[in-house]
Amino acid sequence: MSRLVLVGLLSALLGGRALAQDTPSPTTPPQSAPAQAIPVQAIPVQAAAPVQAAPAQATPPNATTLLFETNQLANTRPGQVLSYRYTRFSGIDGAPFGPPVEDRIREEVAPGASAENRNLKVEMFSGERRMPTATYEDIPGNPVMVRFLEHHLDDLAKVLKGNPRYIKNGIRRALRENATVTPTEVEVDGRTEPGWRVVARPFVDDPVRDRLRGFDSLTYTFVVSPKVAGQIVSIDARATSPDGGILLQETLTYEPNA
């Protein structure tokens, strides 16, 4: 897949300001009744963090710049394999998201046309969930971020029976305008290294949040660090019901020793 194609995927996910102003309404409004979730203990997710070094008083970078406009692959080496653990769990009665899932996403790194960029072969999931292998040529950004979010959005739109563009635009807008970026720490080979934590809540004040069946609580947490190969440490997308039940928890976690 060419660099232009990856740029197209990033543009489709993030969009411009004009798209954010032209936000459509859901085509098929979800039922107004809140989803019923089985209260369970949250799956623990590794803490993680910063992209450039993050001194305690550093000015936080913009969330979209940090996540989508940073050369995340410059610290990888040709021949390296990046492995990510993927999980999904929902306690909603009737299991609209399906049974709990634990799987892997693997990226094989090869030299790009320029010294800073890389070619990647991405294998997403296994068995009956396996998706077609994707290839990316001469790219600076780690495509695992986009692959995770696109997969998440597809499933979420199906369960809510809503317009996927509406959900996507909400996440775009939150990352551009309302996300919080704070320094954090991540453990790398037994050492504590600096990182950044990005948190966004796209639908907490959404005008149609009463039709989102509890998913107005969706919170996205990204942890990145320049000291981690590919820089993506973890992603956590989580929605909870007022009684603490998990409507959805979907995670991606870098596995340095896989």
C-alpha atoms as a PDB file:
ATOM      1  CA  MET A   1       0.000   0.000   0.000  1.00  0.00           C
ATOM      2  CA  SER A   2       1.525   3.339  -0.964  1.00  0.00           C
ATOM      3  CA  ARG A   3       2.211   6.262   1.308  1.00  0.00           C
ATOM      4  CA  LEU A   4      -0.551   8.165  -0.500  1.00  0.00           C
ATOM      5  CA  VAL A   5      -3.042   5.450   0.466  1.00  0.00           C
ATOM      6  CA  LEU A   6      -2.019   5.642   4.129  1.00  0.00           C
ATOM      7  CA  VAL A   7      -2.330   9.433   4.035  1.00  0.00           C
ATOM      8  CA  GLY A   8      -5.797   8.909   2.595  1.00  0.00           C
ATOM      9  CA  LEU A   9      -6.715   6.600   5.492  1.00  0.00           C
ATOM     10  CA  LEU A  10      -5.501   9.150   8.013  1.00  0.00           C
ATOM     11  CA  SER A  11      -7.426  11.912   6.257  1.00  0.00           C
ATOM     12  CA  ALA A  12     -10.561   9.773   6.237  1.00  0.00           C
ATOM     13  CA  LEU A  13     -10.214   9.170   9.966  1.00  0.00           C
ATOM     14  CA  LEU A  14      -9.281  12.694  11.039  1.00  0.00           C
ATOM     15  CA  GLY A  15     -10.802  14.831   8.308  1.00  0.00           C
ATOM     16  CA  GLY A  16     -10.599  18.591   8.023  1.00  0.00           C
ATOM     17  CA  ARG A  17     -12.455  21.309   9.862  1.00  0.00           C
ATOM     18  CA  ALA A  18     -14.969  21.577   7.048  1.00  0.00           C
ATOM     19  CA  LEU A  19     -16.025  17.963   7.613  1.00  0.00           C
ATOM     20  CA  ALA A  20     -16.392  18.520  11.314  1.00  0.00           C
ATOM     21  CA  GLN A  21     -18.757  21.434  10.655  1.00  0.00           C
ATOM     22  CA  ASP A  22     -20.802  19.297   8.281  1.00  0.00           C
ATOM     23  CA  THR A  23     -21.657  16.628  10.848  1.00  0.00           C
ATOM     24  CA  PRO A  24     -24.601  14.464   9.748  1.00  0.00           C
ATOM     25  CA  SER A  25     -27.221  13.085  12.081  1.00  0.00           C
ATOM     26  CA  PRO A  26     -27.492   9.330  12.615  1.00  0.00           C
ATOM     27  CA  THR A  27     -29.432   7.818   9.723  1.00  0.00           C
ATOM     28  CA  THR A  28     -31.136   5.234  11.934  1.00  0.00           C
ATOM     29  CA  PRO A  29     -31.464   6.495  15.501  1.00  0.00           C
ATOM     30  CA  PRO A  30     -30.542   3.842  18.088  1.00  0.00           C
ATOM     31  CA  GLN A  31     -33.177   2.803  20.569  1.00  0.00           C
ATOM     32  CA  SER A  32     -33.474   5.255  23.424  1.00  0.00           C
ATOM     33  CA  ALA A  33     -33.429   2.626  26.181  1.00  0.00           C
ATOM     34  CA  PRO A  34     -30.009   2.309  27.855  1.00  0.00           C
ATOM     35  CA  ALA A  35     -28.140  -0.913  27.232  1.00  0.00           C
ATOM     36  CA  GLN A  36     -28.019  -3.313  30.165  1.00  0.00           C
ATOM     37  CA  ALA A  37     -24.510  -4.308  31.163  1.00  0.00           C
ATOM     38  CA  ILE A  38     -23.279  -6.962  33.526  1.00  0.00           C
ATOM     39  CA  PRO A  39     -21.053  -5.233  36.121  1.00  0.00           C
ATOM     40  CA  VAL A  40     -17.604  -6.764  35.946  1.00  0.00           C
ATOM     41  CA  GLN A  41     -14.132  -5.677  36.910  1.00  0.00           C
ATOM     42  CA  ALA A  42     -12.364  -3.682  34.195  1.00  0.00           C
ATOM     43  CA  ILE A  43      -9.585  -5.386  32.294  1.00  0.00           C
ATOM     44  CA  PRO A  44      -6.285  -3.833  33.456  1.00  0.00           C
ATOM     45  CA  VAL A  45      -4.415  -1.864  30.787  1.00  0.00           C
ATOM     46  CA  GLN A  46      -0.752  -0.921  30.927  1.00  0.00           C
ATOM     47  CA  ALA A  47      -0.051   2.701  31.746  1.00  0.00           C
ATOM     48  CA  ALA A  48       1.908   4.534  29.108  1.00  0.00           C
ATOM     49  CA  ALA A  49       2.938   7.850  27.641  1.00  0.00           C
ATOM     50  CA  PRO A  50       4.982  10.665  25.868  1.00  0.00           C
ATOM     51  CA  VAL A  51       6.229  11.170  22.318  1.00  0.00           C
ATOM     52  CA  GLN A  52       8.938  13.790  22.578  1.00  0.00           C
ATOM     53  CA  ALA A  53      10.614  13.793  25.970  1.00  0.00           C
ATOM     54  CA  ALA A  54       8.021  15.034  28.441  1.00  0.00           C
ATOM     55  CA  PRO A  55       9.538  17.070  31.244  1.00  0.00           C
ATOM     56  CA  ALA A  56       7.143  17.842  34.070  1.00  0.00           C
ATOM     57  CA  GLN A  57       6.601  21.382  32.799  1.00  0.00           C
ATOM     58  CA  ALA A  58       6.724  20.718  29.067  1.00  0.00           C
ATOM     59  CA  THR A  59       3.981  22.229  26.922  1.00  0.00           C
ATOM     60  CA  PRO A  60       1.792  19.290  25.842  1.00  0.00           C
ATOM     61  CA  PRO A  61       1.713  18.731  22.071  1.00  0.00           C
ATOM     62  CA  ASN A  62      -1.520  18.744  20.093  1.00  0.00           C
ATOM     63  CA  ALA A  63      -3.272  15.352  20.261  1.00  0.00           C
ATOM     64  CA  THR A  64      -3.677  14.875  16.506  1.00  0.00           C
ATOM     65  CA  THR A  65      -0.063  15.887  15.878  1.00  0.00           C
ATOM     66  CA  LEU A  66       1.094  13.448  18.527  1.00  0.00           C
ATOM     67  CA  LEU A  67      -1.005  10.522  17.314  1.00  0.00           C
ATOM     68  CA  PHE A  68      -1.162  10.982  13.554  1.00  0.00           C
ATOM     69  CA  GLU A  69       1.472  13.467  12.385  1.00  0.00           C
ATOM     70  CA  THR A  70       4.591  12.146  14.115  1.00  0.00           C
ATOM     71  CA  ASN A  71       7.228   9.906  12.528  1.00  0.00           C
ATOM     72  CA  GLN A  72       6.487   6.903  14.724  1.00  0.00           C
ATOM     73  CA  LEU A  73       8.469   4.346  12.744  1.00  0.00           C
ATOM     74  CA  ALA A  74      11.878   6.050  12.732  1.00  0.00           C
ATOM     75  CA  ASN A  75      12.799   4.169  15.915  1.00  0.00           C
ATOM     76  CA  THR A  76      12.066   0.750  14.367  1.00  0.00           C
ATOM     77  CA  ARG A  77      14.643  -1.361  12.543  1.00  0.00           C
ATOM     78  CA  PRO A  78      14.256  -3.398   9.347  1.00  0.00           C
ATOM     79  CA  GLY A  79      13.501  -7.029  10.169  1.00  0.00           C
ATOM     80  CA  GLN A  80      11.768  -6.125  13.416  1.00  0.00           C
ATOM     81  CA  VAL A  81       8.269  -7.454  14.154  1.00  0.00           C
ATOM     82  CA  LEU A  82       5.903  -5.279  16.201  1.00  0.00           C
ATOM     83  CA  SER A  83       3.266  -7.289  18.061  1.00  0.00           C
ATOM     84  CA  TYR A  84       0.118  -5.926  19.711  1.00  0.00           C
ATOM     85  CA  ARG A  85      -2.350  -7.744  21.949  1.00  0.00           C
ATOM     86  CA  TYR A  86      -5.961  -6.940  21.077  1.00  0.00           C
ATOM     87  CA  THR A  87      -8.906  -7.540  23.427  1.00  0.00           C
ATOM     88  CA  ARG A  88     -12.617  -6.787  23.296  1.00  0.00           C
ATOM     89  CA  PHE A  89     -15.229  -7.346  25.986  1.00  0.00           C
ATOM     90  CA  SER A  90     -18.845  -6.263  26.391  1.00  0.00           C
ATOM     91  CA  GLY A  91     -21.232  -7.005  29.236  1.00  0.00           C
ATOM     92  CA  ILE A  92     -24.373  -6.016  27.317  1.00  0.00           C
ATOM     93  CA  ASP A  93     -27.173  -8.573  27.527  1.00  0.00           C
ATOM     94  CA  GLY A  94     -27.560 -10.435  24.243  1.00  0.00           C
ATOM     95  CA  ALA A  95     -23.868  -9.935  23.357  1.00  0.00           C
ATOM     96  CA  PRO A  96     -24.336  -7.653  20.309  1.00  0.00           C
ATOM     97  CA  PHE A  97     -20.536  -7.301  20.062  1.00  0.00           C
ATOM     98  CA  GLY A  98     -20.108 -11.067  20.200  1.00  0.00           C
ATOM     99  CA  PRO A  99     -18.106 -13.116  22.723  1.00  0.00           C
ATOM    100  CA  PRO A 100     -14.930 -11.793  24.399  1.00  0.00           C
ATOM    101  CA  VAL A 101     -11.960 -11.637  22.035  1.00  0.00           C
ATOM    102  CA  GLU A 102      -8.218 -11.872  22.557  1.00  0.00           C
ATOM    103  CA  ASP A 103      -6.053 -11.795  19.441  1.00  0.00           C
ATOM    104  CA  ARG A 104      -2.943 -10.209  17.916  1.00  0.00           C
ATOM    105  CA  ILE A 105      -1.945  -7.651  15.300  1.00  0.00           C
ATOM    106  CA  ARG A 106       1.576  -8.062  13.837  1.00  0.00           C
ATOM    107  CA  GLU A 107       3.616  -5.629  11.754  1.00  0.00           C
ATOM    108  CA  GLU A 108       6.718  -6.774   9.867  1.00  0.00           C
ATOM    109  CA  VAL A 109       9.133  -3.881   9.341  1.00  0.00           C
ATOM    110  CA  ALA A 110      11.240  -3.468   6.190  1.00  0.00           C
ATOM    111  CA  PRO A 111      13.346  -0.543   4.889  1.00  0.00           C
ATOM    112  CA  GLY A 112      11.475   2.293   3.192  1.00  0.00           C
ATOM    113  CA  ALA A 113      12.663   4.409   0.284  1.00  0.00           C
ATOM    114  CA  SER A 114      13.947   7.030   2.725  1.00  0.00           C
ATOM    115  CA  ALA A 115      15.983   6.495   5.884  1.00  0.00           C
ATOM    116  CA  GLU A 116      13.197   7.712   8.203  1.00  0.00           C
ATOM    117  CA  ASN A 117      10.331   5.752   6.625  1.00  0.00           C
ATOM    118  CA  ARG A 118       9.494   2.054   6.559  1.00  0.00           C
ATOM    119  CA  ASN A 119       7.637  -0.544   4.523  1.00  0.00           C
ATOM    120  CA  LEU A 120       5.204  -2.615   6.594  1.00  0.00           C
ATOM    121  CA  LYS A 121       3.260  -5.843   6.226  1.00  0.00           C
ATOM    122  CA  VAL A 122       0.351  -5.919   8.681  1.00  0.00           C
ATOM    123  CA  GLU A 123      -1.392  -9.127   9.738  1.00  0.00           C
ATOM    124  CA  MET A 124      -4.555  -8.432  11.718  1.00  0.00           C
ATOM    125  CA  PHE A 125      -6.075 -11.207  13.849  1.00  0.00           C
ATOM    126  CA  SER A 126      -6.103 -14.973  13.323  1.00  0.00           C
ATOM    127  CA  GLY A 127      -8.425 -17.835  12.438  1.00  0.00           C
ATOM    128  CA  GLU A 128     -11.906 -16.854  11.293  1.00  0.00           C
ATOM    129  CA  ARG A 129     -11.321 -13.248  12.391  1.00  0.00           C
ATOM    130  CA  ARG A 130      -8.212 -12.877  10.231  1.00  0.00           C
ATOM    131  CA  MET A 131      -8.337  -9.892   7.876  1.00  0.00           C
ATOM    132  CA  PRO A 132      -6.478  -9.667   4.547  1.00  0.00           C
ATOM    133  CA  THR A 133      -2.786  -8.845   4.926  1.00  0.00           C
ATOM    134  CA  ALA A 134      -2.127  -5.162   4.230  1.00  0.00           C
ATOM    135  CA  THR A 135       1.122  -3.675   2.937  1.00  0.00           C
ATOM    136  CA  TYR A 136       2.293  -0.080   3.334  1.00  0.00           C
ATOM    137  CA  GLU A 137       5.223   1.434   1.448  1.00  0.00           C
ATOM    138  CA  ASP A 138       7.565   4.204   2.606  1.00  0.00           C
ATOM    139  CA  ILE A 139       5.436   5.501   5.484  1.00  0.00           C
ATOM    140  CA  PRO A 140       6.388   7.435   8.660  1.00  0.00           C
ATOM    141  CA  GLY A 141       3.278   6.757  10.783  1.00  0.00           C
ATOM    142  CA  ASN A 142       2.311   3.529  12.535  1.00  0.00           C
ATOM    143  CA  PRO A 143      -0.833   2.207  10.766  1.00  0.00           C
ATOM    144  CA  VAL A 144      -1.892   0.091  13.768  1.00  0.00           C
ATOM    145  CA  MET A 145      -3.627   3.194  15.148  1.00  0.00           C
ATOM    146  CA  VAL A 146      -5.847   3.608  12.100  1.00  0.00           C
ATOM    147  CA  ARG A 147      -6.495  -0.132  11.758  1.00  0.00           C
ATOM    148  CA  PHE A 148      -7.664  -0.359  15.380  1.00  0.00           C
ATOM    149  CA  LEU A 149      -9.944   2.687  15.140  1.00  0.00           C
ATOM    150  CA  GLU A 150     -11.506   1.746  11.804  1.00  0.00           C
ATOM    151  CA  HIS A 151     -12.300  -1.768  13.107  1.00  0.00           C
ATOM    152  CA  HIS A 152     -13.720  -0.289  16.317  1.00  0.00           C
ATOM    153  CA  LEU A 153     -15.891   2.214  14.428  1.00  0.00           C
ATOM    154  CA  ASP A 154     -17.311  -0.435  12.086  1.00  0.00           C
ATOM    155  CA  ASP A 155     -18.469  -2.605  15.002  1.00  0.00           C
ATOM    156  CA  LEU A 156     -19.771   0.354  17.015  1.00  0.00           C
ATOM    157  CA  ALA A 157     -21.864   1.708  14.135  1.00  0.00           C
ATOM    158  CA  LYS A 158     -23.415  -1.728  13.544  1.00  0.00           C
ATOM    159  CA  VAL A 159     -24.377  -2.190  17.196  1.00  0.00           C
ATOM    160  CA  LEU A 160     -25.786   1.343  17.557  1.00  0.00           C
ATOM    161  CA  LYS A 161     -27.445   1.134  14.112  1.00  0.00           C
ATOM    162  CA  GLY A 162     -26.214   4.642  13.476  1.00  0.00           C
ATOM    163  CA  ASN A 163     -24.365   6.576  10.813  1.00  0.00           C
ATOM    164  CA  PRO A 164     -20.651   5.639  11.067  1.00  0.00           C
ATOM    165  CA  ARG A 165     -19.690   9.060   9.711  1.00  0.00           C
ATOM    166  CA  TYR A 166     -21.462  10.725  12.651  1.00  0.00           C
ATOM    167  CA  ILE A 167     -19.459   8.664  15.134  1.00  0.00           C
ATOM    168  CA  LYS A 168     -16.218   9.220  13.217  1.00  0.00           C
ATOM    169  CA  ASN A 169     -16.746  12.981  13.097  1.00  0.00           C
ATOM    170  CA  GLY A 170     -17.345  13.050  16.846  1.00  0.00           C
ATOM    171  CA  ILE A 171     -13.991  11.378  17.486  1.00  0.00           C
ATOM    172  CA  ARG A 172     -12.242  13.673  14.983  1.00  0.00           C
ATOM    173  CA  ARG A 173     -13.616  16.758  16.670  1.00  0.00           C
ATOM    174  CA  ALA A 174     -12.748  15.545  20.185  1.00  0.00           C
ATOM    175  CA  LEU A 175      -9.138  14.769  19.260  1.00  0.00           C
ATOM    176  CA  ARG A 176      -8.702  18.149  17.571  1.00  0.00           C
ATOM    177  CA  GLU A 177     -10.485  20.332  20.087  1.00  0.00           C
ATOM    178  CA  ASN A 178     -11.121  18.706  23.472  1.00  0.00           C
ATOM    179  CA  ALA A 179      -8.570  15.973  24.119  1.00  0.00           C
ATOM    180  CA  THR A 180      -6.332  16.251  27.176  1.00  0.00           C
ATOM    181  CA  VAL A 181      -2.625  15.508  26.741  1.00  0.00           C
ATOM    182  CA  THR A 182      -0.572  14.882  29.879  1.00  0.00           C
ATOM    183  CA  PRO A 183       2.923  13.544  30.583  1.00  0.00           C
ATOM    184  CA  THR A 184       3.094   9.995  31.885  1.00  0.00           C
ATOM    185  CA  GLU A 185       5.628   7.202  32.343  1.00  0.00           C
ATOM    186  CA  VAL A 186       6.011   3.860  30.612  1.00  0.00           C
ATOM    187  CA  GLU A 187       8.205   0.900  31.483  1.00  0.00           C
ATOM    188  CA  VAL A 188      10.678  -0.078  28.756  1.00  0.00           C
ATOM    189  CA  ASP A 189      13.050  -3.030  29.336  1.00  0.00           C
ATOM    190  CA  GLY A 190      12.884  -2.496  33.079  1.00  0.00           C
ATOM    191  CA  ARG A 191      13.462   1.266  32.782  1.00  0.00           C
ATOM    192  CA  THR A 192      10.982   4.067  33.344  1.00  0.00           C
ATOM    193  CA  GLU A 193      10.738   6.315  30.302  1.00  0.00           C
ATOM    194  CA  PRO A 194       8.659   9.429  29.530  1.00  0.00           C
ATOM    195  CA  GLY A 195       5.507   9.279  27.475  1.00  0.00           C
ATOM    196  CA  TRP A 196       2.234  11.084  26.728  1.00  0.00           C
ATOM    197  CA  ARG A 197      -1.310  10.119  27.651  1.00  0.00           C
ATOM    198  CA  VAL A 198      -4.141  11.382  25.431  1.00  0.00           C
ATOM    199  CA  VAL A 199      -7.748  11.165  26.670  1.00  0.00           C
ATOM    200  CA  ALA A 200     -10.822  12.091  24.619  1.00  0.00           C
ATOM    201  CA  ARG A 201     -14.561  11.824  25.415  1.00  0.00           C
ATOM    202  CA  PRO A 202     -16.304  12.598  22.117  1.00  0.00           C
ATOM    203  CA  PHE A 203     -19.954  12.154  23.090  1.00  0.00           C
ATOM    204  CA  VAL A 204     -20.247  13.363  26.679  1.00  0.00           C
ATOM    205  CA  ASP A 205     -22.019  16.561  25.508  1.00  0.00           C
ATOM    206  CA  ASP A 206     -23.374  15.208  22.230  1.00  0.00           C
ATOM    207  CA  PRO A 207     -26.780  16.673  21.281  1.00  0.00           C
ATOM    208  CA  VAL A 208     -28.169  13.174  20.636  1.00  0.00           C
ATOM    209  CA  ARG A 209     -26.439  11.433  23.548  1.00  0.00           C
ATOM    210  CA  ASP A 210     -29.812  10.199  24.838  1.00  0.00           C
ATOM    211  CA  ARG A 211     -30.011   8.051  21.677  1.00  0.00           C
ATOM    212  CA  LEU A 212     -26.560   6.521  22.121  1.00  0.00           C
ATOM    213  CA  ARG A 213     -27.782   3.909  24.647  1.00  0.00           C
ATOM    214  CA  GLY A 214     -25.091   4.714  27.179  1.00  0.00           C
ATOM    215  CA  PHE A 215     -22.245   5.088  24.684  1.00  0.00           C
ATOM    216  CA  ASP A 216     -22.056   8.818  25.371  1.00  0.00           C
ATOM    217  CA  SER A 217     -19.671   7.599  28.109  1.00  0.00           C
ATOM    218  CA  LEU A 218     -17.130   6.381  25.527  1.00  0.00           C
ATOM    219  CA  THR A 219     -13.629   7.369  26.607  1.00  0.00           C
ATOM    220  CA  TYR A 220     -10.556   6.901  24.400  1.00  0.00           C
ATOM    221  CA  THR A 221      -7.143   6.714  26.063  1.00  0.00           C
ATOM    222  CA  PHE A 222      -3.944   6.592  23.999  1.00  0.00           C
ATOM    223  CA  VAL A 223      -0.459   6.145  25.446  1.00  0.00           C
ATOM    224  CA  VAL A 224       2.599   6.801  23.271  1.00  0.00           C
ATOM    225  CA  SER A 225       6.342   7.017  23.853  1.00  0.00           C
ATOM    226  CA  PRO A 226       9.333   7.671  21.568  1.00  0.00           C
ATOM    227  CA  LYS A 227      11.228   5.052  23.591  1.00  0.00           C
ATOM    228  CA  VAL A 228       8.896   2.272  22.368  1.00  0.00           C
ATOM    229  CA  ALA A 229       9.306   0.836  18.872  1.00  0.00           C
ATOM    230  CA  GLY A 230       6.507   2.252  16.730  1.00  0.00           C
ATOM    231  CA  GLN A 231       5.657   4.625  19.630  1.00  0.00           C
ATOM    232  CA  ILE A 232       2.148   3.186  20.212  1.00  0.00           C
ATOM    233  CA  VAL A 233       2.098   1.737  23.733  1.00  0.00           C
ATOM    234  CA  SER A 234      -1.634   1.223  24.263  1.00  0.00           C
ATOM    235  CA  ILE A 235      -5.122   2.218  23.162  1.00  0.00           C
ATOM    236  CA  ASP A 236      -8.202   1.806  25.347  1.00  0.00           C
ATOM    237  CA  ALA A 237     -11.766   2.495  24.129  1.00  0.00           C
ATOM    238  CA  ARG A 238     -14.224   2.098  26.996  1.00  0.00           C
ATOM    239  CA  ALA A 239     -17.915   2.785  27.690  1.00  0.00           C
ATOM    240  CA  THR A 240     -19.535   2.080  31.060  1.00  0.00           C
ATOM    241  CA  SER A 241     -23.117   2.163  32.310  1.00  0.00           C
ATOM    242  CA  PRO A 242     -24.125   4.270  35.359  1.00  0.00           C
ATOM    243  CA  ASP A 243     -23.981   1.163  37.576  1.00  0.00           C
ATOM    244  CA  GLY A 244     -20.386   0.469  36.529  1.00  0.00           C
ATOM    245  CA  GLY A 245     -21.094  -2.300  34.018  1.00  0.00           C
ATOM    246  CA  ILE A 246     -18.879  -2.467  30.943  1.00  0.00           C
ATOM    247  CA  LEU A 247     -20.797  -1.707  27.766  1.00  0.00           C
ATOM    248  CA  LEU A 248     -17.586  -2.031  25.774  1.00  0.00           C
ATOM    249  CA  GLN A 249     -13.881  -2.230  26.482  1.00  0.00           C
ATOM    250  CA  GLU A 250     -11.588  -2.606  23.505  1.00  0.00           C
ATOM    251  CA  THR A 251      -7.825  -2.466  23.936  1.00  0.00           C
ATOM    252  CA  LEU A 252      -4.572  -2.635  22.026  1.00  0.00           C
ATOM    253  CA  THR A 253      -1.312  -3.163  23.951  1.00  0.00           C
ATOM    254  CA  TYR A 254       2.227  -3.330  22.614  1.00  0.00           C
ATOM    255  CA  GLU A 255       4.018  -6.591  23.415  1.00  0.00           C
ATOM    256  CA  PRO A 256       7.767  -5.860  23.362  1.00  0.00           C
ATOM    257  CA  ASN A 257       8.801  -9.470  24.013  1.00  0.00           C
ATOM    258  CA  ALA A 258       6.302 -11.289  21.799  1.00  0.00           C
END
